[in-house]
Structure formats: structure tokens, C-alpha cells
């Protein structure tokens, strides 16, 4: 596919040495961010953060080598935005509409201390009629940490909207057999692996280790999760705000996956997702706003 043209309007949002827009995979437009501490990349398609890397470190985010970069197909890896629903929905794409839609880049800025913020907005006419009252924005701030905030406003004068939101972070790990997750011990979870159909369970055995297909939704869990990676000798911290659900997922080699994911790649990723899903879904009243924020960071073990 030919590279997409880059308009003068988009060029005006670039910041020399800090923010640039390029046409890359499949001709999709991508924003590259450079700071004194790190680099990041954000596709306008899906407002999808596909990369974040601190200087001298391995990438923080996993991106499948088989990922599609094509209209109508989600990007596999990075941080997909699941909204306004999570999971399957009959007759609709899994995990909502917005990760399959082009977003508008509306602002970029550099703070005095060097933080770079990029703001995107979903065009008002993008959503189907039942969701047309939603005004949806996404802000990404890049420092030595990656901060992402999804904001939705119900602009309806009289109708409440029932929504789910989730920032579906794919984290890169050196070896799935050498990681453990802290912050979840003793928390009840709904199990969706191996056809468990959401059976309620609880694990008090200590830090979670991924040894098989894992698909857990932890309801009423607002706390921080840390992924301790012995192979890469680092800990990835997933800190969240206005998020009452945590999802942990790895398909292993047993979950049937589309062709954009090589089963062998399960060794190098784990998803720790943050949002408000299933029993924690939100009822957004008229003229009200809901936001959910995630901060990803890393430090040496």
C-alpha cells in the first residue's frame, strides 16, 4: 500500500526534535515521540500506542511480528483501546469500535521539564448512532514513564449510556517462565481460560506465575500490578486511576488465535489490562464525563 499523504494541518502539530508524523506500515500514519528519556510511537488508526522504550532498555510494549496494519483489522500488541464495550458482542467487532477507526490528532505540547503530550480525538461522525453522543479523547504523555488517559463525555441531553473501557497493555517480557505478577494475591477473579466461562476463583498462593493459558478478570481491583521479569532484570509497574477492573491474559499455545499472532510469541508477552469491564461497567449520565488513566513504568530489579 502506498504511503498516506500527510496534510499541512498535521505538519503544523509537529515539534522539531520531539514530535514527528510519518507514514509507515500499510500506509498508516504514525506519530513518533522523542524525549530526553525515551521514545514512543502512536498510530492515528485506533489511537494505538505501539511502542515505548526508555534509553538503554528493551521495549516496554510487545508488538506481534505478524500484526496486521490494515483498515478493518486491529493492530496486535501495544496498547489497544477497548471501548465502548469489552470482549465479544454479537454482530459487532470484539472489544468495541474505536480501535478500528482513524482518530484526529488535535494537539501536541512539550512541558518545561521535557514531558511530551499528544492528544487525539475520535471524529464525531465515526461512531454508530447508539454511540453518537460520545465525545472520546485520548491523551498520551511520554517521559521516563508512559501515561495514557482515555476520556469519554456523554453529550446527550437526556440519555445515559452504558459503557466499558479498557487499555489493553501488551507488556514485553524476556521469558514468560521467568516472570511473576504482584498485587493480585488473594483477589477474587473470574476465569475465562479453557472454557471456564467466568467461574469465580481465588489464588492465595503468592505472586502469580503464568504457566498455561491465562485469561482472568479481577473485578473491584483498583490496585497497582507489578510484573517482575528475571530474564530482563526489570519490574514493569502498571499503575491505574479510575479503573476498577484488572485483566491478565496470555493465550499460551492453547487459545485459538487469528493469523496475526504466532503461538511461539506467548513466551515474550503478558497483558495486564486496566479499565472498567463486566460487573464494573459504567453508566454514564447525560453531560457527564468518565476518564481512566494508566501509567506504565519500569525499574531495575
Protein backbone atom coordinates (compact mmCIF):
# COMPACT_ATOMS: atom_id res chain seq x y z
CA UNK A 1 0.00 0.00 0.00
CA UNK A 2 1.27 3.48 -0.87
CA UNK A 3 2.19 5.86 1.90
CA UNK A 4 -0.68 8.06 3.02
CA UNK A 5 -0.33 11.79 2.31
CA UNK A 6 0.46 13.98 5.30
CA UNK A 7 -1.54 17.19 5.37
CA UNK A 8 -0.22 20.64 6.19
CA UNK A 9 -2.57 20.66 9.18
CA UNK A 10 -0.82 17.60 10.63
CA UNK A 11 2.60 19.03 9.87
CA UNK A 12 1.72 22.08 11.96
CA UNK A 13 1.35 19.80 15.00
CA UNK A 14 4.91 18.52 14.73
CA UNK A 15 7.51 19.78 17.19
CA UNK A 16 11.08 19.71 15.85
CA UNK A 17 13.20 17.13 17.62
CA UNK A 18 10.26 15.96 19.71
CA UNK A 19 7.15 15.06 17.68
CA UNK A 20 7.02 13.96 14.04
CA UNK A 21 4.44 12.25 11.85
CA UNK A 22 5.36 9.62 9.29
CA UNK A 23 3.58 7.16 7.00
CA UNK A 24 4.58 3.60 7.81
CA UNK A 25 3.12 0.08 7.91
CA UNK A 26 0.27 -0.28 5.43
CA UNK A 27 0.46 3.44 4.72
CA UNK A 28 -0.93 4.21 8.18
CA UNK A 29 0.03 7.50 9.81
CA UNK A 30 2.19 7.24 12.91
CA UNK A 31 3.34 9.84 15.43
CA UNK A 32 6.92 9.41 16.67
CA UNK A 33 7.74 10.98 20.04
CA UNK A 34 11.26 11.60 21.35
CA UNK A 35 12.12 12.80 24.85
CA UNK A 36 15.30 13.06 26.90
CA UNK A 37 14.40 9.71 28.48
CA UNK A 38 12.57 7.66 25.90
CA UNK A 39 10.83 7.22 22.56
CA UNK A 40 7.24 6.30 21.76
CA UNK A 41 5.01 5.74 18.73
CA UNK A 42 1.28 6.22 18.28
CA UNK A 43 -0.79 5.31 15.21
CA UNK A 44 -3.74 7.53 14.34
CA UNK A 45 -5.54 4.30 13.41
CA UNK A 46 -7.15 3.27 16.69
CA UNK A 47 -5.19 5.94 18.63
CA UNK A 48 -2.95 2.93 19.13
CA UNK A 49 0.27 3.23 21.13
CA UNK A 50 2.55 0.60 19.59
CA UNK A 51 5.86 1.44 21.20
CA UNK A 52 7.54 2.89 24.28
CA UNK A 53 11.22 2.41 25.06
CA UNK A 54 13.48 4.01 27.62
CA UNK A 55 17.01 4.78 26.53
CA UNK A 56 19.23 1.76 27.15
CA UNK A 57 16.32 -0.60 27.90
CA UNK A 58 14.38 -3.21 25.99
CA UNK A 59 11.00 -2.02 24.65
CA UNK A 60 8.28 -1.94 27.31
CA UNK A 61 5.50 -2.97 24.93
CA UNK A 62 5.12 -6.17 22.92
CA UNK A 63 4.14 -5.97 19.24
CA UNK A 64 3.45 -9.15 17.30
CA UNK A 65 5.73 -9.65 14.31
CA UNK A 66 2.65 -10.86 12.39
CA UNK A 67 0.43 -7.91 13.25
CA UNK A 68 -1.81 -6.54 10.52
CA UNK A 69 -1.53 -2.87 9.72
CA UNK A 70 -4.68 -2.59 7.65
CA UNK A 71 -8.08 -0.89 7.87
CA UNK A 72 -10.71 -3.11 9.43
CA UNK A 73 -8.19 -5.18 11.40
CA UNK A 74 -6.82 -4.39 14.85
CA UNK A 75 -3.10 -3.97 15.48
CA UNK A 76 -1.84 -6.89 17.58
CA UNK A 77 0.16 -5.60 20.51
CA UNK A 78 0.99 -2.25 22.05
CA UNK A 79 -1.99 -0.75 23.85
CA UNK A 80 -5.29 -1.26 22.01
CA UNK A 81 -8.20 0.83 23.29
CA UNK A 82 -11.21 -1.37 24.09
CA UNK A 83 -14.26 0.89 24.01
CA UNK A 84 -17.25 1.31 24.31
CA UNK A 85 -17.50 -2.39 25.12
CA UNK A 86 -15.08 -5.13 26.16
CA UNK A 87 -14.95 -8.67 24.84
CA UNK A 88 -17.31 -10.19 22.27
CA UNK A 89 -20.59 -8.63 21.23
CA UNK A 90 -22.94 -10.32 18.80
CA UNK A 91 -22.75 -8.88 15.31
CA UNK A 92 -20.01 -6.43 16.31
CA UNK A 93 -16.20 -6.45 16.45
CA UNK A 94 -14.65 -7.74 19.66
CA UNK A 95 -13.54 -5.10 22.16
CA UNK A 96 -15.52 -2.26 20.62
CA UNK A 97 -15.27 0.00 17.63
CA UNK A 98 -12.64 2.60 18.38
CA UNK A 99 -9.51 0.50 17.82
CA UNK A 100 -10.67 0.07 14.21
CA UNK A 101 -11.27 3.75 13.47
CA UNK A 102 -8.99 6.63 12.44
CA UNK A 103 -8.60 9.32 15.10
CA UNK A 104 -7.81 13.00 14.70
CA UNK A 105 -4.56 14.38 16.07
CA UNK A 106 -5.59 17.63 17.74
CA UNK A 107 -2.70 18.82 19.89
CA UNK A 108 0.93 18.27 20.86
CA UNK A 109 2.94 20.02 23.53
CA UNK A 110 6.22 19.95 25.44
CA UNK A 111 6.23 20.83 29.13
CA UNK A 112 9.03 22.84 30.70
CA UNK A 113 10.58 19.74 32.25
CA UNK A 114 10.52 17.93 28.89
CA UNK A 115 7.37 15.80 29.03
CA UNK A 116 5.70 15.44 25.62
CA UNK A 117 1.90 15.12 25.38
CA UNK A 118 -0.06 14.11 22.29
CA UNK A 119 -3.85 14.43 22.24
CA UNK A 120 -6.19 12.63 19.88
CA UNK A 121 -9.94 12.80 19.39
CA UNK A 122 -12.34 10.41 17.74
CA UNK A 123 -14.21 12.21 14.94
CA UNK A 124 -17.80 12.84 15.95
CA UNK A 125 -19.36 11.06 12.98
CA UNK A 126 -17.28 7.89 13.39
CA UNK A 127 -19.49 6.03 15.83
CA UNK A 128 -22.77 4.26 15.14
CA UNK A 129 -25.99 6.00 16.08
CA UNK A 130 -26.30 4.41 19.52
CA UNK A 131 -22.88 5.79 20.48
CA UNK A 132 -23.03 9.08 18.59
CA UNK A 133 -23.44 11.14 21.77
CA UNK A 134 -19.99 10.14 22.98
CA UNK A 135 -17.11 12.59 22.66
CA UNK A 136 -13.98 10.47 23.08
CA UNK A 137 -10.42 11.71 23.59
CA UNK A 138 -7.09 10.04 24.32
CA UNK A 139 -4.00 11.72 25.76
CA UNK A 140 -0.52 10.17 25.77
CA UNK A 141 2.25 11.72 27.85
CA UNK A 142 5.81 10.48 27.40
CA UNK A 143 8.65 10.93 29.92
CA UNK A 144 10.59 8.12 31.57
CA UNK A 145 7.05 6.76 32.01
CA UNK A 146 4.16 6.21 29.61
CA UNK A 147 0.92 7.84 30.76
CA UNK A 148 -2.32 7.23 28.86
CA UNK A 149 -5.74 8.68 29.64
CA UNK A 150 -9.00 7.82 27.90
CA UNK A 151 -11.84 10.32 28.40
CA UNK A 152 -15.43 10.00 27.25
CA UNK A 153 -18.20 12.57 27.63
CA UNK A 154 -21.87 11.77 27.13
CA UNK A 155 -23.13 14.82 25.25
CA UNK A 156 -26.70 13.59 25.24
CA UNK A 157 -29.19 15.85 26.98
CA UNK A 158 -31.32 13.06 28.41
CA UNK A 159 -29.97 9.53 27.79
CA UNK A 160 -27.48 7.63 29.94
CA UNK A 161 -25.00 5.35 28.18
CA UNK A 162 -23.69 2.04 29.47
CA UNK A 163 -20.02 1.71 28.57
CA UNK A 164 -16.94 -0.40 29.22
CA UNK A 165 -13.40 0.91 28.83
CA UNK A 166 -10.07 -0.86 28.90
CA UNK A 167 -6.47 -0.02 28.00
CA UNK A 168 -5.23 -3.43 26.85
CA UNK A 169 -1.49 -3.20 27.57
CA UNK A 170 0.69 -5.88 25.97
CA UNK A 171 3.90 -5.95 28.02
CA UNK A 172 7.16 -7.33 26.65
CA UNK A 173 8.89 -9.92 28.84
CA UNK A 174 12.13 -11.80 28.33
CA UNK A 175 10.72 -15.24 29.13
CA UNK A 176 7.19 -15.99 30.34
CA UNK A 177 8.62 -18.75 32.56
CA UNK A 178 10.71 -16.22 34.46
CA UNK A 179 8.12 -13.62 35.43
CA UNK A 180 5.80 -13.15 38.39
CA UNK A 181 2.96 -10.67 38.95
CA UNK A 182 2.48 -9.00 42.30
CA UNK A 183 -0.51 -7.01 43.52
CA UNK A 184 -3.12 -9.70 42.78
CA UNK A 185 -2.61 -12.18 45.60
CA UNK A 186 -5.85 -13.07 47.34
CA UNK A 187 -8.00 -11.06 44.92
CA UNK A 188 -11.02 -12.93 43.51
CA UNK A 189 -11.09 -13.29 39.74
CA UNK A 190 -13.40 -14.55 37.02
CA UNK A 191 -11.68 -17.25 34.97
CA UNK A 192 -12.24 -17.31 31.20
CA UNK A 193 -9.44 -19.75 30.22
CA UNK A 194 -10.13 -23.28 28.99
CA UNK A 195 -13.86 -22.63 28.69
CA UNK A 196 -14.29 -21.77 32.37
CA UNK A 197 -16.96 -19.22 31.32
CA UNK A 198 -16.18 -16.74 34.06
CA UNK A 199 -16.18 -19.11 37.03
CA UNK A 200 -15.22 -17.23 40.19
CA UNK A 201 -11.92 -18.30 41.72
CA UNK A 202 -9.24 -17.05 44.05
CA UNK A 203 -5.48 -17.57 44.25
CA UNK A 204 -3.73 -17.16 47.58
CA UNK A 205 -0.53 -18.97 46.59
CA UNK A 206 1.62 -15.86 46.27
CA UNK A 207 2.74 -13.87 43.22
CA UNK A 208 1.00 -15.03 40.03
CA UNK A 209 3.09 -17.10 37.62
CA UNK A 210 1.94 -17.71 34.07
CA UNK A 211 2.35 -21.44 33.37
CA UNK A 212 -0.55 -22.02 30.98
CA UNK A 213 -3.31 -20.21 29.09
CA UNK A 214 -4.44 -17.40 31.38
CA UNK A 215 -7.50 -15.18 30.99
CA UNK A 216 -8.55 -13.60 34.27
CA UNK A 217 -10.77 -10.63 35.01
CA UNK A 218 -10.23 -9.26 38.51
CA UNK A 219 -13.35 -7.23 39.41
CA UNK A 220 -13.24 -4.46 42.00
CA UNK A 221 -9.44 -4.32 41.69
CA UNK A 222 -8.08 -0.78 41.59
CA UNK A 223 -4.56 -1.50 42.81
CA UNK A 224 -1.17 -1.42 41.12
CA UNK A 225 0.24 -4.56 39.49
CA UNK A 226 3.93 -5.20 39.03
CA UNK A 227 5.47 -7.63 36.52
CA UNK A 228 8.82 -8.84 37.83
CA UNK A 229 10.98 -10.11 34.98
CA UNK A 230 14.04 -12.10 35.99
CA UNK A 231 15.24 -12.50 32.40
CA UNK A 232 15.31 -8.77 31.59
CA UNK A 233 16.09 -7.89 35.21
CA UNK A 234 13.39 -5.27 35.45
CA UNK A 235 10.00 -4.70 37.03
CA UNK A 236 7.18 -3.18 34.97
CA UNK A 237 4.71 -1.25 37.09
CA UNK A 238 1.08 -0.83 35.96
CA UNK A 239 -0.46 1.99 37.98
CA UNK A 240 -4.05 2.97 37.29
CA UNK A 241 -6.67 5.54 38.19
CA UNK A 242 -10.47 5.36 37.89
CA UNK A 243 -10.05 1.72 36.92
CA UNK A 244 -11.90 -0.93 38.92
CA UNK A 245 -11.06 -3.96 36.77
CA UNK A 246 -7.75 -5.64 36.04
CA UNK A 247 -7.38 -8.26 33.29
CA UNK A 248 -4.42 -10.65 32.97
CA UNK A 249 -4.10 -12.54 29.69
CA UNK A 250 -1.70 -14.84 27.87
CA UNK A 251 -3.07 -17.17 25.17
CA UNK A 252 -0.22 -19.68 25.59
CA UNK A 253 -0.36 -22.18 22.70
CA UNK A 254 -3.86 -23.44 23.51
CA UNK A 255 -6.15 -20.48 22.84
CA UNK A 256 -7.17 -20.26 19.20
CA UNK A 257 -5.78 -17.03 17.80
CA UNK A 258 -6.07 -15.26 14.44
CA UNK A 259 -3.19 -15.26 11.99
CA UNK A 260 -1.69 -12.05 13.41
CA UNK A 261 -0.10 -13.88 16.36
CA UNK A 262 2.48 -16.66 16.27
CA UNK A 263 1.79 -19.07 19.18
CA UNK A 264 5.52 -19.05 19.98
CA UNK A 265 5.19 -15.34 20.79
CA UNK A 266 3.35 -16.19 24.02
CA UNK A 267 6.79 -16.58 25.59
CA UNK A 268 7.52 -12.87 25.29
CA UNK A 269 4.31 -11.16 26.35
CA UNK A 270 1.77 -10.78 29.08
CA UNK A 271 -1.23 -8.46 29.05
CA UNK A 272 -2.10 -6.50 32.17
CA UNK A 273 -5.19 -4.54 31.22
CA UNK A 274 -6.82 -1.70 33.12
CA UNK A 275 -10.36 -0.38 32.93
CA UNK A 276 -13.96 -0.89 33.91
CA UNK A 277 -15.44 -4.05 32.41
CA UNK A 278 -18.17 -6.61 33.01
CA UNK A 279 -19.55 -6.09 36.54
CA UNK A 280 -17.59 -2.81 36.76
CA UNK A 281 -19.07 -1.33 33.58
CA UNK A 282 -20.09 2.30 33.82
CA UNK A 283 -23.40 4.08 33.47
CA UNK A 284 -22.53 7.50 32.08
CA UNK A 285 -25.29 10.06 32.74
CA UNK A 286 -26.09 12.88 30.32
CA UNK A 287 -23.49 15.67 30.23
CA UNK A 288 -21.08 13.66 32.40
CA UNK A 289 -17.51 12.54 31.73
CA UNK A 290 -15.65 9.34 32.61
CA UNK A 291 -11.89 9.01 32.41
CA UNK A 292 -9.46 6.18 33.05
CA UNK A 293 -5.69 6.63 33.31
CA UNK A 294 -2.78 4.18 33.26
CA UNK A 295 0.88 4.86 33.98
CA UNK A 296 3.42 2.28 32.80
CA UNK A 297 6.95 2.46 34.17
CA UNK A 298 9.94 0.25 34.76
CA UNK A 299 12.84 -0.04 37.14
CA UNK A 300 15.74 -2.48 37.60
CA UNK A 301 15.22 -5.48 39.85
